[in-house]
Amino acid sequence: MTKGIGLSATSELKEDDSNDDKVKPAQQGQTSDKSAQVLLRRPLSEDGADVHQLIGSCPPLDTNSLYCNLLQASHFSGTSVAAELDGELVGFISGYIIPERPDTLFIWQVAVAEQGRGLGLAGRMLREILARPACTAVRHLETTITPDNDASWALFRSLARKLDADCADSVMFDRERHFKGQHDSEMLLRIGSFDAPRNEVAG
């Protein structure tokens, strides 16, 4: 999807709990081994340039400024996650706690590099953030998705099922009212409430 300040998941992402069905039996062991090698960690400010490059390689995501990515990797590191494979950044999610609603995590942007796809990485990264100390009080998750981005809808609905939580959607930014006809409407997807044990969500 293409967004400005409110990015979430690219259309290349697949529903994380369906990957095993798409892998041939002879490849399942290789996929599992590769997935286990991916390191999920808090981003550092030094990751900003790599994040900027990653976003640029994941169309149709819009790139923000490098300075914005530096802020995502520093000021919002507690609610963001970087994924490394063989020392390279292959995934990144930025998110933040909405200031007026400390029980709500907003997912800003999701990106997965080509070499990180097919591993259920997007779902793993989302659950990693929810397991963070910064999200102890979080009971709702929100993101925005364009109506035609089936992969993103599938990703977040899969997360909702894992959390045993309801989903609701509504227009957040309207094509005409907010984008002056230059961008499709952005639908707000709200998941929750949920109160899953953290060790189950992260698994």
N, C-alpha and C. Protein backbone atom coordinates (compact mmCIF):
# COMPACT_ATOMS: atom_id res chain seq x y z
N MET A 1 0.83 -1.18 0.00
CA MET A 1 0.00 0.00 0.00
C MET A 1 0.87 1.23 0.00
N THR A 2 0.33 2.35 -0.39
CA THR A 2 1.09 3.58 -0.35
C THR A 2 0.46 4.53 0.64
N LYS A 3 1.25 5.00 1.54
CA LYS A 3 0.78 5.95 2.52
C LYS A 3 1.86 6.98 2.77
N GLY A 4 1.51 8.07 3.42
CA GLY A 4 2.50 9.04 3.80
C GLY A 4 2.95 8.80 5.22
N ILE A 5 2.27 9.45 6.15
CA ILE A 5 2.69 9.34 7.56
C ILE A 5 2.09 8.12 8.23
N GLY A 6 1.16 7.42 7.57
CA GLY A 6 0.47 6.31 8.22
C GLY A 6 0.65 5.00 7.49
N LEU A 7 1.87 4.52 7.43
CA LEU A 7 2.13 3.28 6.70
C LEU A 7 1.90 2.08 7.58
N SER A 8 1.43 0.98 6.92
CA SER A 8 1.39 -0.28 7.67
C SER A 8 2.02 -1.35 6.83
N ALA A 9 1.24 -2.28 6.26
CA ALA A 9 1.86 -3.45 5.63
C ALA A 9 1.86 -3.35 4.12
N THR A 10 2.95 -3.77 3.51
CA THR A 10 3.05 -3.81 2.07
C THR A 10 2.27 -4.98 1.50
N SER A 11 1.85 -4.86 0.26
CA SER A 11 1.04 -5.91 -0.36
C SER A 11 1.82 -7.19 -0.59
N GLU A 12 3.14 -7.16 -0.38
CA GLU A 12 3.93 -8.37 -0.55
C GLU A 12 3.80 -9.30 0.65
N LEU A 13 3.28 -8.79 1.77
CA LEU A 13 3.19 -9.60 2.98
C LEU A 13 2.10 -10.63 2.85
N LYS A 14 2.35 -11.80 3.43
CA LYS A 14 1.38 -12.88 3.41
C LYS A 14 0.90 -13.15 4.82
N GLU A 15 -0.28 -13.73 4.93
CA GLU A 15 -0.84 -14.07 6.24
C GLU A 15 0.08 -15.05 6.92
N ASP A 16 0.55 -14.70 8.13
CA ASP A 16 1.67 -15.44 8.71
C ASP A 16 1.32 -16.84 9.12
N ASP A 17 0.07 -17.14 9.42
CA ASP A 17 -0.24 -18.49 9.88
C ASP A 17 -0.62 -19.42 8.73
N SER A 18 -0.39 -18.98 7.49
CA SER A 18 -0.72 -19.84 6.36
C SER A 18 0.51 -20.25 5.56
N ASN A 19 1.70 -19.84 6.01
CA ASN A 19 2.89 -20.10 5.23
C ASN A 19 3.22 -21.58 5.13
N ASP A 20 3.01 -22.34 6.19
CA ASP A 20 3.37 -23.74 6.17
C ASP A 20 2.63 -24.50 5.08
N ASP A 21 1.39 -24.08 4.81
CA ASP A 21 0.61 -24.76 3.78
C ASP A 21 1.14 -24.48 2.38
N LYS A 22 1.93 -23.44 2.22
CA LYS A 22 2.42 -23.05 0.91
C LYS A 22 3.82 -23.58 0.65
N VAL A 23 4.43 -24.25 1.62
CA VAL A 23 5.78 -24.76 1.47
C VAL A 23 5.72 -26.25 1.20
N LYS A 24 6.42 -26.70 0.18
CA LYS A 24 6.44 -28.12 -0.14
C LYS A 24 7.14 -28.87 0.99
N PRO A 25 6.73 -30.13 1.26
CA PRO A 25 7.31 -30.89 2.36
C PRO A 25 8.83 -30.90 2.35
N ALA A 26 9.45 -31.01 1.20
CA ALA A 26 10.91 -31.09 1.14
C ALA A 26 11.56 -29.78 1.55
N GLN A 27 10.77 -28.68 1.52
CA GLN A 27 11.31 -27.36 1.83
C GLN A 27 10.99 -26.91 3.24
N GLN A 28 10.12 -27.63 3.93
CA GLN A 28 9.66 -27.16 5.23
C GLN A 28 10.80 -27.06 6.23
N GLY A 29 11.71 -28.03 6.21
CA GLY A 29 12.82 -27.99 7.14
C GLY A 29 13.72 -26.82 6.88
N GLN A 30 13.98 -26.52 5.61
CA GLN A 30 14.82 -25.39 5.27
C GLN A 30 14.17 -24.09 5.70
N THR A 31 12.86 -23.97 5.47
CA THR A 31 12.15 -22.75 5.86
C THR A 31 12.18 -22.57 7.36
N SER A 32 11.97 -23.66 8.11
CA SER A 32 11.99 -23.58 9.57
C SER A 32 13.36 -23.17 10.08
N ASP A 33 14.42 -23.73 9.49
CA ASP A 33 15.77 -23.38 9.92
C ASP A 33 16.06 -21.91 9.65
N LYS A 34 15.66 -21.42 8.49
CA LYS A 34 15.89 -20.03 8.14
C LYS A 34 15.13 -19.10 9.06
N SER A 35 13.89 -19.46 9.37
CA SER A 35 13.08 -18.66 10.28
C SER A 35 13.73 -18.56 11.65
N ALA A 36 14.31 -19.67 12.12
CA ALA A 36 14.93 -19.69 13.44
C ALA A 36 16.18 -18.83 13.48
N GLN A 37 16.77 -18.56 12.33
CA GLN A 37 17.99 -17.76 12.27
C GLN A 37 17.72 -16.26 12.30
N VAL A 38 16.47 -15.88 12.13
CA VAL A 38 16.12 -14.45 12.13
C VAL A 38 16.14 -13.92 13.56
N LEU A 39 16.89 -12.86 13.78
CA LEU A 39 16.98 -12.22 15.09
C LEU A 39 16.03 -11.03 15.14
N LEU A 40 15.14 -11.02 16.13
CA LEU A 40 14.24 -9.88 16.35
C LEU A 40 14.78 -9.07 17.53
N ARG A 41 14.91 -7.78 17.34
CA ARG A 41 15.49 -6.93 18.38
C ARG A 41 14.93 -5.52 18.27
N ARG A 42 15.18 -4.73 19.34
CA ARG A 42 14.84 -3.32 19.29
C ARG A 42 15.75 -2.62 18.28
N PRO A 43 15.21 -1.74 17.47
CA PRO A 43 16.08 -1.00 16.54
C PRO A 43 16.95 0.01 17.28
N LEU A 44 18.05 0.38 16.64
CA LEU A 44 18.97 1.40 17.13
C LEU A 44 18.98 2.56 16.15
N SER A 45 19.42 3.71 16.59
CA SER A 45 19.48 4.86 15.68
C SER A 45 20.36 4.56 14.48
N GLU A 46 21.39 3.73 14.68
CA GLU A 46 22.26 3.37 13.57
C GLU A 46 21.56 2.55 12.49
N ASP A 47 20.37 2.02 12.80
CA ASP A 47 19.59 1.27 11.81
C ASP A 47 18.83 2.18 10.85
N GLY A 48 18.77 3.47 11.14
CA GLY A 48 17.92 4.37 10.38
C GLY A 48 18.17 4.32 8.88
N ALA A 49 19.43 4.36 8.47
CA ALA A 49 19.75 4.35 7.04
C ALA A 49 19.35 3.03 6.39
N ASP A 50 19.57 1.92 7.11
CA ASP A 50 19.17 0.62 6.57
C ASP A 50 17.65 0.50 6.48
N VAL A 51 16.95 1.07 7.46
CA VAL A 51 15.48 1.09 7.40
C VAL A 51 15.02 1.87 6.17
N HIS A 52 15.64 3.01 5.95
CA HIS A 52 15.28 3.84 4.79
C HIS A 52 15.48 3.07 3.48
N GLN A 53 16.58 2.33 3.40
CA GLN A 53 16.86 1.54 2.20
C GLN A 53 15.86 0.39 2.07
N LEU A 54 15.54 -0.26 3.19
CA LEU A 54 14.58 -1.36 3.17
C LEU A 54 13.22 -0.89 2.68
N ILE A 55 12.73 0.22 3.21
CA ILE A 55 11.43 0.74 2.79
C ILE A 55 11.43 1.03 1.29
N GLY A 56 12.54 1.59 0.81
CA GLY A 56 12.63 1.90 -0.61
C GLY A 56 12.60 0.68 -1.50
N SER A 57 12.97 -0.48 -0.94
CA SER A 57 13.00 -1.72 -1.72
C SER A 57 11.72 -2.52 -1.59
N CYS A 58 10.72 -1.96 -0.91
CA CYS A 58 9.46 -2.67 -0.67
C CYS A 58 8.27 -1.90 -1.24
N PRO A 59 8.23 -1.73 -2.56
CA PRO A 59 7.05 -1.08 -3.15
C PRO A 59 5.82 -1.95 -2.90
N PRO A 60 4.65 -1.35 -2.72
CA PRO A 60 4.34 0.06 -2.97
C PRO A 60 4.45 0.98 -1.77
N LEU A 61 5.25 0.63 -0.78
CA LEU A 61 5.40 1.51 0.37
C LEU A 61 6.03 2.83 -0.05
N ASP A 62 5.52 3.93 0.49
CA ASP A 62 6.15 5.24 0.30
C ASP A 62 7.33 5.36 1.25
N THR A 63 8.39 6.00 0.80
CA THR A 63 9.51 6.28 1.69
C THR A 63 9.24 7.57 2.43
N ASN A 64 9.62 7.58 3.69
CA ASN A 64 9.66 8.82 4.46
C ASN A 64 11.09 9.36 4.38
N SER A 65 11.34 10.48 5.00
CA SER A 65 12.70 11.01 5.01
C SER A 65 13.59 10.11 5.87
N LEU A 66 14.88 10.14 5.58
CA LEU A 66 15.82 9.39 6.41
C LEU A 66 15.75 9.86 7.86
N TYR A 67 15.54 11.16 8.06
CA TYR A 67 15.41 11.68 9.42
C TYR A 67 14.24 11.04 10.15
N CYS A 68 13.12 10.86 9.44
CA CYS A 68 11.96 10.19 10.03
C CYS A 68 12.32 8.78 10.45
N ASN A 69 13.05 8.05 9.60
CA ASN A 69 13.44 6.69 9.94
C ASN A 69 14.40 6.65 11.13
N LEU A 70 15.26 7.65 11.24
CA LEU A 70 16.14 7.74 12.40
C LEU A 70 15.32 7.92 13.68
N LEU A 71 14.27 8.74 13.62
CA LEU A 71 13.41 8.93 14.79
C LEU A 71 12.65 7.65 15.12
N GLN A 72 12.16 6.94 14.07
CA GLN A 72 11.47 5.68 14.31
C GLN A 72 12.38 4.69 15.05
N ALA A 73 13.65 4.65 14.65
CA ALA A 73 14.59 3.68 15.21
C ALA A 73 15.18 4.12 16.54
N SER A 74 14.86 5.32 16.98
CA SER A 74 15.40 5.79 18.26
C SER A 74 14.27 6.15 19.23
N HIS A 75 13.49 7.18 18.94
CA HIS A 75 12.43 7.60 19.85
C HIS A 75 11.35 6.54 20.01
N PHE A 76 11.10 5.73 18.98
CA PHE A 76 10.03 4.75 19.02
C PHE A 76 10.56 3.32 19.05
N SER A 77 11.80 3.14 19.50
CA SER A 77 12.40 1.80 19.46
C SER A 77 11.69 0.81 20.39
N GLY A 78 11.08 1.31 21.46
CA GLY A 78 10.40 0.42 22.39
C GLY A 78 9.16 -0.22 21.83
N THR A 79 8.59 0.40 20.80
CA THR A 79 7.39 -0.13 20.16
C THR A 79 7.63 -0.43 18.68
N SER A 80 8.89 -0.62 18.33
CA SER A 80 9.28 -0.99 16.97
C SER A 80 10.18 -2.21 17.04
N VAL A 81 10.41 -2.84 15.89
CA VAL A 81 11.24 -4.04 15.89
C VAL A 81 12.03 -4.12 14.58
N ALA A 82 13.28 -4.57 14.71
CA ALA A 82 14.13 -4.83 13.55
C ALA A 82 14.37 -6.33 13.47
N ALA A 83 14.38 -6.86 12.26
CA ALA A 83 14.64 -8.28 12.03
C ALA A 83 15.92 -8.43 11.21
N GLU A 84 16.84 -9.23 11.73
CA GLU A 84 18.12 -9.45 11.07
C GLU A 84 18.25 -10.90 10.63
N LEU A 85 18.82 -11.09 9.45
CA LEU A 85 19.15 -12.42 8.95
C LEU A 85 20.55 -12.34 8.35
N ASP A 86 21.47 -13.11 8.92
CA ASP A 86 22.86 -13.09 8.47
C ASP A 86 23.44 -11.69 8.51
N GLY A 87 23.09 -10.94 9.56
CA GLY A 87 23.63 -9.61 9.74
C GLY A 87 23.00 -8.52 8.91
N GLU A 88 21.98 -8.85 8.12
CA GLU A 88 21.32 -7.86 7.28
C GLU A 88 19.90 -7.60 7.78
N LEU A 89 19.45 -6.36 7.64
CA LEU A 89 18.09 -6.00 8.02
C LEU A 89 17.12 -6.53 6.97
N VAL A 90 16.24 -7.44 7.38
CA VAL A 90 15.28 -8.03 6.44
C VAL A 90 13.84 -7.71 6.81
N GLY A 91 13.64 -7.03 7.92
CA GLY A 91 12.29 -6.66 8.32
C GLY A 91 12.30 -5.51 9.30
N PHE A 92 11.24 -4.73 9.28
CA PHE A 92 11.12 -3.61 10.20
C PHE A 92 9.66 -3.26 10.39
N ILE A 93 9.28 -3.06 11.63
CA ILE A 93 7.95 -2.52 11.94
C ILE A 93 8.14 -1.34 12.87
N SER A 94 7.50 -0.23 12.55
CA SER A 94 7.47 0.91 13.46
C SER A 94 6.06 1.05 14.02
N GLY A 95 6.00 1.43 15.26
CA GLY A 95 4.72 1.63 15.92
C GLY A 95 4.89 2.58 17.09
N TYR A 96 3.79 3.01 17.65
CA TYR A 96 3.86 3.91 18.80
C TYR A 96 2.57 3.78 19.62
N ILE A 97 2.67 4.12 20.87
CA ILE A 97 1.50 4.19 21.74
C ILE A 97 0.83 5.54 21.50
N ILE A 98 -0.46 5.52 21.19
CA ILE A 98 -1.17 6.78 20.95
C ILE A 98 -1.20 7.59 22.25
N PRO A 99 -0.67 8.82 22.24
CA PRO A 99 -0.51 9.59 23.48
C PRO A 99 -1.79 9.73 24.30
N GLU A 100 -2.91 10.01 23.63
CA GLU A 100 -4.16 10.21 24.38
C GLU A 100 -4.81 8.90 24.78
N ARG A 101 -4.31 7.77 24.25
CA ARG A 101 -4.89 6.47 24.56
C ARG A 101 -3.77 5.47 24.84
N PRO A 102 -3.26 5.45 26.05
CA PRO A 102 -2.10 4.60 26.37
C PRO A 102 -2.38 3.11 26.30
N ASP A 103 -3.64 2.73 26.08
CA ASP A 103 -3.95 1.31 25.92
C ASP A 103 -3.98 0.88 24.46
N THR A 104 -3.55 1.77 23.55
CA THR A 104 -3.65 1.48 22.12
C THR A 104 -2.30 1.63 21.43
N LEU A 105 -1.87 0.56 20.76
CA LEU A 105 -0.67 0.56 19.94
C LEU A 105 -1.06 0.81 18.49
N PHE A 106 -0.45 1.82 17.86
CA PHE A 106 -0.68 2.07 16.45
C PHE A 106 0.50 1.56 15.65
N ILE A 107 0.24 0.69 14.69
CA ILE A 107 1.30 0.18 13.82
C ILE A 107 1.40 1.11 12.61
N TRP A 108 2.56 1.72 12.48
CA TRP A 108 2.80 2.75 11.49
C TRP A 108 3.21 2.14 10.16
N GLN A 109 4.17 1.23 10.20
CA GLN A 109 4.74 0.72 8.96
C GLN A 109 5.27 -0.69 9.16
N VAL A 110 5.03 -1.53 8.16
CA VAL A 110 5.56 -2.90 8.15
C VAL A 110 6.30 -3.10 6.83
N ALA A 111 7.52 -3.59 6.90
CA ALA A 111 8.27 -3.89 5.67
C ALA A 111 9.05 -5.18 5.87
N VAL A 112 9.02 -6.04 4.86
CA VAL A 112 9.78 -7.28 4.87
C VAL A 112 10.51 -7.39 3.54
N ALA A 113 11.83 -7.58 3.59
CA ALA A 113 12.64 -7.72 2.38
C ALA A 113 12.35 -9.05 1.70
N GLU A 114 12.71 -9.14 0.45
CA GLU A 114 12.46 -10.35 -0.33
C GLU A 114 13.00 -11.60 0.36
N GLN A 115 14.22 -11.51 0.91
CA GLN A 115 14.84 -12.68 1.52
C GLN A 115 14.22 -13.06 2.86
N GLY A 116 13.34 -12.21 3.38
CA GLY A 116 12.67 -12.51 4.63
C GLY A 116 11.24 -12.99 4.47
N ARG A 117 10.78 -13.09 3.23
CA ARG A 117 9.38 -13.46 2.99
C ARG A 117 9.21 -14.98 3.00
N GLY A 118 7.98 -15.39 3.28
CA GLY A 118 7.67 -16.82 3.35
C GLY A 118 8.02 -17.44 4.68
N LEU A 119 8.40 -16.61 5.68
CA LEU A 119 8.80 -17.12 6.99
C LEU A 119 7.81 -16.75 8.09
N GLY A 120 6.70 -16.10 7.72
CA GLY A 120 5.77 -15.62 8.74
C GLY A 120 6.36 -14.49 9.55
N LEU A 121 7.32 -13.77 8.96
CA LEU A 121 8.08 -12.79 9.72
C LEU A 121 7.23 -11.60 10.17
N ALA A 122 6.33 -11.14 9.33
CA ALA A 122 5.51 -9.98 9.70
C ALA A 122 4.69 -10.26 10.96
N GLY A 123 4.07 -11.44 11.02
CA GLY A 123 3.30 -11.80 12.21
C GLY A 123 4.18 -11.95 13.44
N ARG A 124 5.35 -12.53 13.26
CA ARG A 124 6.29 -12.68 14.39
C ARG A 124 6.70 -11.33 14.94
N MET A 125 6.97 -10.40 14.05
CA MET A 125 7.39 -9.07 14.49
C MET A 125 6.27 -8.35 15.25
N LEU A 126 5.04 -8.48 14.76
CA LEU A 126 3.92 -7.86 15.47
C LEU A 126 3.79 -8.41 16.88
N ARG A 127 3.89 -9.73 17.00
CA ARG A 127 3.74 -10.35 18.32
C ARG A 127 4.93 -10.01 19.24
N GLU A 128 6.09 -9.83 18.63
CA GLU A 128 7.26 -9.41 19.41
C GLU A 128 7.03 -8.05 20.05
N ILE A 129 6.48 -7.12 19.30
CA ILE A 129 6.21 -5.79 19.86
C ILE A 129 5.19 -5.88 20.99
N LEU A 130 4.13 -6.65 20.80
CA LEU A 130 3.10 -6.76 21.83
C LEU A 130 3.65 -7.37 23.13
N ALA A 131 4.73 -8.13 23.03
CA ALA A 131 5.32 -8.75 24.21
C ALA A 131 6.30 -7.82 24.93
N ARG A 132 6.52 -6.65 24.41
CA ARG A 132 7.48 -5.71 24.99
C ARG A 132 6.93 -5.07 26.27
N PRO A 133 7.84 -4.70 27.18
CA PRO A 133 7.40 -3.99 28.40
C PRO A 133 6.62 -2.72 28.10
N ALA A 134 6.95 -2.05 27.01
CA ALA A 134 6.25 -0.81 26.66
C ALA A 134 4.78 -1.04 26.35
N CYS A 135 4.43 -2.29 26.05
CA CYS A 135 3.04 -2.61 25.66
C CYS A 135 2.28 -3.34 26.76
N THR A 136 2.78 -3.29 27.97
CA THR A 136 2.12 -4.00 29.08
C THR A 136 0.66 -3.57 29.24
N ALA A 137 0.38 -2.29 29.04
CA ALA A 137 -0.98 -1.78 29.22
C ALA A 137 -1.80 -1.80 27.94
N VAL A 138 -1.24 -2.26 26.85
CA VAL A 138 -1.93 -2.23 25.57
C VAL A 138 -3.06 -3.26 25.52
N ARG A 139 -4.23 -2.81 25.15
CA ARG A 139 -5.39 -3.69 25.02
C ARG A 139 -6.03 -3.59 23.63
N HIS A 140 -5.54 -2.65 22.81
CA HIS A 140 -6.03 -2.50 21.45
C HIS A 140 -4.86 -2.23 20.52
N LEU A 141 -5.01 -2.67 19.29
CA LEU A 141 -4.03 -2.38 18.24
C LEU A 141 -4.77 -1.76 17.07
N GLU A 142 -4.19 -0.71 16.49
CA GLU A 142 -4.78 -0.05 15.34
C GLU A 142 -3.76 0.08 14.22
N THR A 143 -4.25 0.09 13.01
CA THR A 143 -3.44 0.39 11.83
C THR A 143 -4.38 0.89 10.76
N THR A 144 -3.84 1.42 9.66
CA THR A 144 -4.68 1.80 8.54
C THR A 144 -4.28 1.00 7.31
N ILE A 145 -5.27 0.64 6.51
CA ILE A 145 -5.08 -0.21 5.33
C ILE A 145 -5.98 0.29 4.22
N THR A 146 -5.46 0.31 3.00
CA THR A 146 -6.32 0.66 1.87
C THR A 146 -7.25 -0.51 1.56
N PRO A 147 -8.44 -0.23 1.03
CA PRO A 147 -9.44 -1.30 0.84
C PRO A 147 -8.97 -2.47 -0.03
N ASP A 148 -8.06 -2.21 -0.97
CA ASP A 148 -7.67 -3.27 -1.91
C ASP A 148 -6.44 -4.05 -1.48
N ASN A 149 -5.90 -3.77 -0.30
CA ASN A 149 -4.68 -4.45 0.14
C ASN A 149 -5.04 -5.73 0.90
N ASP A 150 -5.36 -6.78 0.15
CA ASP A 150 -5.83 -8.03 0.75
C ASP A 150 -4.80 -8.65 1.70
N ALA A 151 -3.51 -8.56 1.33
CA ALA A 151 -2.48 -9.18 2.16
C ALA A 151 -2.41 -8.54 3.54
N SER A 152 -2.55 -7.22 3.59
CA SER A 152 -2.49 -6.54 4.88
C SER A 152 -3.71 -6.87 5.75
N TRP A 153 -4.89 -6.89 5.12
CA TRP A 153 -6.08 -7.29 5.87
C TRP A 153 -5.89 -8.69 6.44
N ALA A 154 -5.35 -9.60 5.63
CA ALA A 154 -5.14 -10.97 6.09
C ALA A 154 -4.15 -11.03 7.25
N LEU A 155 -3.08 -10.25 7.15
CA LEU A 155 -2.06 -10.25 8.21
C LEU A 155 -2.65 -9.84 9.55
N PHE A 156 -3.38 -8.73 9.57
CA PHE A 156 -3.89 -8.22 10.85
C PHE A 156 -5.10 -9.01 11.35
N ARG A 157 -5.88 -9.56 10.45
CA ARG A 157 -6.97 -10.43 10.91
C ARG A 157 -6.42 -11.72 11.50
N SER A 158 -5.31 -12.20 10.94
CA SER A 158 -4.64 -13.36 11.52
C SER A 158 -4.18 -13.06 12.94
N LEU A 159 -3.60 -11.88 13.14
CA LEU A 159 -3.18 -11.47 14.48
C LEU A 159 -4.38 -11.42 15.42
N ALA A 160 -5.49 -10.87 14.95
CA ALA A 160 -6.68 -10.78 15.79
C ALA A 160 -7.14 -12.17 16.24
N ARG A 161 -7.07 -13.14 15.33
CA ARG A 161 -7.46 -14.51 15.71
C ARG A 161 -6.52 -15.06 16.78
N LYS A 162 -5.25 -14.80 16.64
CA LYS A 162 -4.28 -15.28 17.63
C LYS A 162 -4.54 -14.64 18.99
N LEU A 163 -5.01 -13.41 18.98
CA LEU A 163 -5.32 -12.70 20.22
C LEU A 163 -6.73 -12.97 20.72
N ASP A 164 -7.51 -13.73 19.93
CA ASP A 164 -8.91 -14.00 20.26
C ASP A 164 -9.66 -12.69 20.49
N ALA A 165 -9.44 -11.76 19.55
CA ALA A 165 -10.00 -10.41 19.69
C ALA A 165 -10.84 -10.05 18.47
N ASP A 166 -11.76 -9.12 18.67
CA ASP A 166 -12.61 -8.64 17.59
C ASP A 166 -11.88 -7.62 16.73
N CYS A 167 -12.37 -7.45 15.49
CA CYS A 167 -11.88 -6.43 14.57
C CYS A 167 -13.02 -5.50 14.19
N ALA A 168 -12.71 -4.23 14.03
CA ALA A 168 -13.69 -3.27 13.52
C ALA A 168 -12.96 -2.33 12.57
N ASP A 169 -13.63 -1.93 11.50
CA ASP A 169 -12.97 -1.02 10.57
C ASP A 169 -13.88 0.16 10.24
N SER A 170 -13.26 1.29 9.94
CA SER A 170 -13.96 2.51 9.59
C SER A 170 -13.00 3.38 8.79
N VAL A 171 -13.52 4.39 8.12
CA VAL A 171 -12.65 5.29 7.36
C VAL A 171 -11.93 6.23 8.31
N MET A 172 -10.60 6.27 8.19
CA MET A 172 -9.82 7.21 8.99
C MET A 172 -9.43 8.44 8.17
N PHE A 173 -8.87 8.20 6.98
CA PHE A 173 -8.50 9.30 6.09
C PHE A 173 -9.21 9.07 4.75
N ASP A 174 -10.11 9.97 4.41
CA ASP A 174 -10.96 9.81 3.22
C ASP A 174 -10.24 10.31 1.96
N ARG A 175 -10.48 9.60 0.85
CA ARG A 175 -9.83 9.93 -0.42
C ARG A 175 -10.04 11.40 -0.81
N GLU A 176 -11.25 11.90 -0.70
CA GLU A 176 -11.53 13.26 -1.11
C GLU A 176 -11.29 14.26 0.01
N ARG A 177 -11.77 13.96 1.18
CA ARG A 177 -11.69 14.92 2.28
C ARG A 177 -10.26 15.17 2.75
N HIS A 178 -9.46 14.10 2.83
CA HIS A 178 -8.11 14.23 3.36
C HIS A 178 -7.02 14.21 2.29
N PHE A 179 -7.20 13.37 1.25
CA PHE A 179 -6.16 13.22 0.24
C PHE A 179 -6.43 14.03 -1.04
N LYS A 180 -7.56 14.76 -1.07
CA LYS A 180 -7.89 15.59 -2.24
C LYS A 180 -7.85 14.78 -3.53
N GLY A 181 -8.29 13.52 -3.45
CA GLY A 181 -8.38 12.67 -4.61
C GLY A 181 -7.07 12.07 -5.08
N GLN A 182 -5.98 12.28 -4.34
CA GLN A 182 -4.66 11.82 -4.77
C GLN A 182 -4.27 10.47 -4.19
N HIS A 183 -5.10 9.88 -3.35
CA HIS A 183 -4.76 8.63 -2.68
C HIS A 183 -6.05 7.93 -2.28
N ASP A 184 -6.03 6.61 -2.31
CA ASP A 184 -7.19 5.87 -1.85
C ASP A 184 -7.45 6.12 -0.37
N SER A 185 -8.70 5.96 0.04
CA SER A 185 -9.03 6.11 1.45
C SER A 185 -8.24 5.11 2.29
N GLU A 186 -7.89 5.54 3.49
CA GLU A 186 -7.22 4.67 4.46
C GLU A 186 -8.24 4.23 5.50
N MET A 187 -8.42 2.91 5.59
CA MET A 187 -9.37 2.36 6.55
C MET A 187 -8.66 2.07 7.87
N LEU A 188 -9.26 2.52 8.95
CA LEU A 188 -8.74 2.22 10.27
C LEU A 188 -9.21 0.84 10.70
N LEU A 189 -8.27 -0.05 10.98
CA LEU A 189 -8.59 -1.37 11.53
C LEU A 189 -8.22 -1.36 13.00
N ARG A 190 -9.20 -1.64 13.85
CA ARG A 190 -8.99 -1.65 15.30
C ARG A 190 -9.20 -3.07 15.81
N ILE A 191 -8.23 -3.60 16.49
CA ILE A 191 -8.27 -4.94 17.07
C ILE A 191 -8.35 -4.82 18.57
N GLY A 192 -9.25 -5.57 19.20
CA GLY A 192 -9.34 -5.56 20.65
C GLY A 192 -10.78 -5.49 21.12
N SER A 193 -10.92 -5.54 22.43
CA SER A 193 -9.80 -5.57 23.37
C SER A 193 -9.25 -6.98 23.53
N PHE A 194 -8.01 -7.05 24.02
CA PHE A 194 -7.38 -8.34 24.26
C PHE A 194 -6.54 -8.25 25.52
N ASP A 195 -6.35 -9.37 26.12
CA ASP A 195 -5.54 -9.46 27.34
C ASP A 195 -4.89 -10.83 27.37
N ALA A 196 -4.27 -11.19 26.25
CA ALA A 196 -3.64 -12.52 26.15
C ALA A 196 -2.38 -12.57 26.98
N PRO A 197 -2.10 -13.73 27.58
CA PRO A 197 -0.82 -13.88 28.29
C PRO A 197 0.32 -13.60 27.33
N ARG A 198 1.30 -12.84 27.78
CA ARG A 198 2.37 -12.40 26.88
C ARG A 198 3.18 -13.56 26.32
N ASN A 199 3.38 -14.61 27.11
CA ASN A 199 4.17 -15.74 26.59
C ASN A 199 3.44 -16.47 25.48
N GLU A 200 2.10 -16.41 25.47
CA GLU A 200 1.34 -17.06 24.39
C GLU A 200 1.35 -16.18 23.15
N VAL A 201 1.23 -14.86 23.32
CA VAL A 201 1.21 -13.98 22.18
C VAL A 201 2.54 -14.02 21.45
N ALA A 202 3.61 -14.09 22.19
CA ALA A 202 4.94 -14.02 21.58
C ALA A 202 5.33 -15.31 20.91
N GLY A 203 4.66 -16.40 21.20
CA GLY A 203 5.06 -17.69 20.68
C GLY A 203 4.59 -17.95 19.28
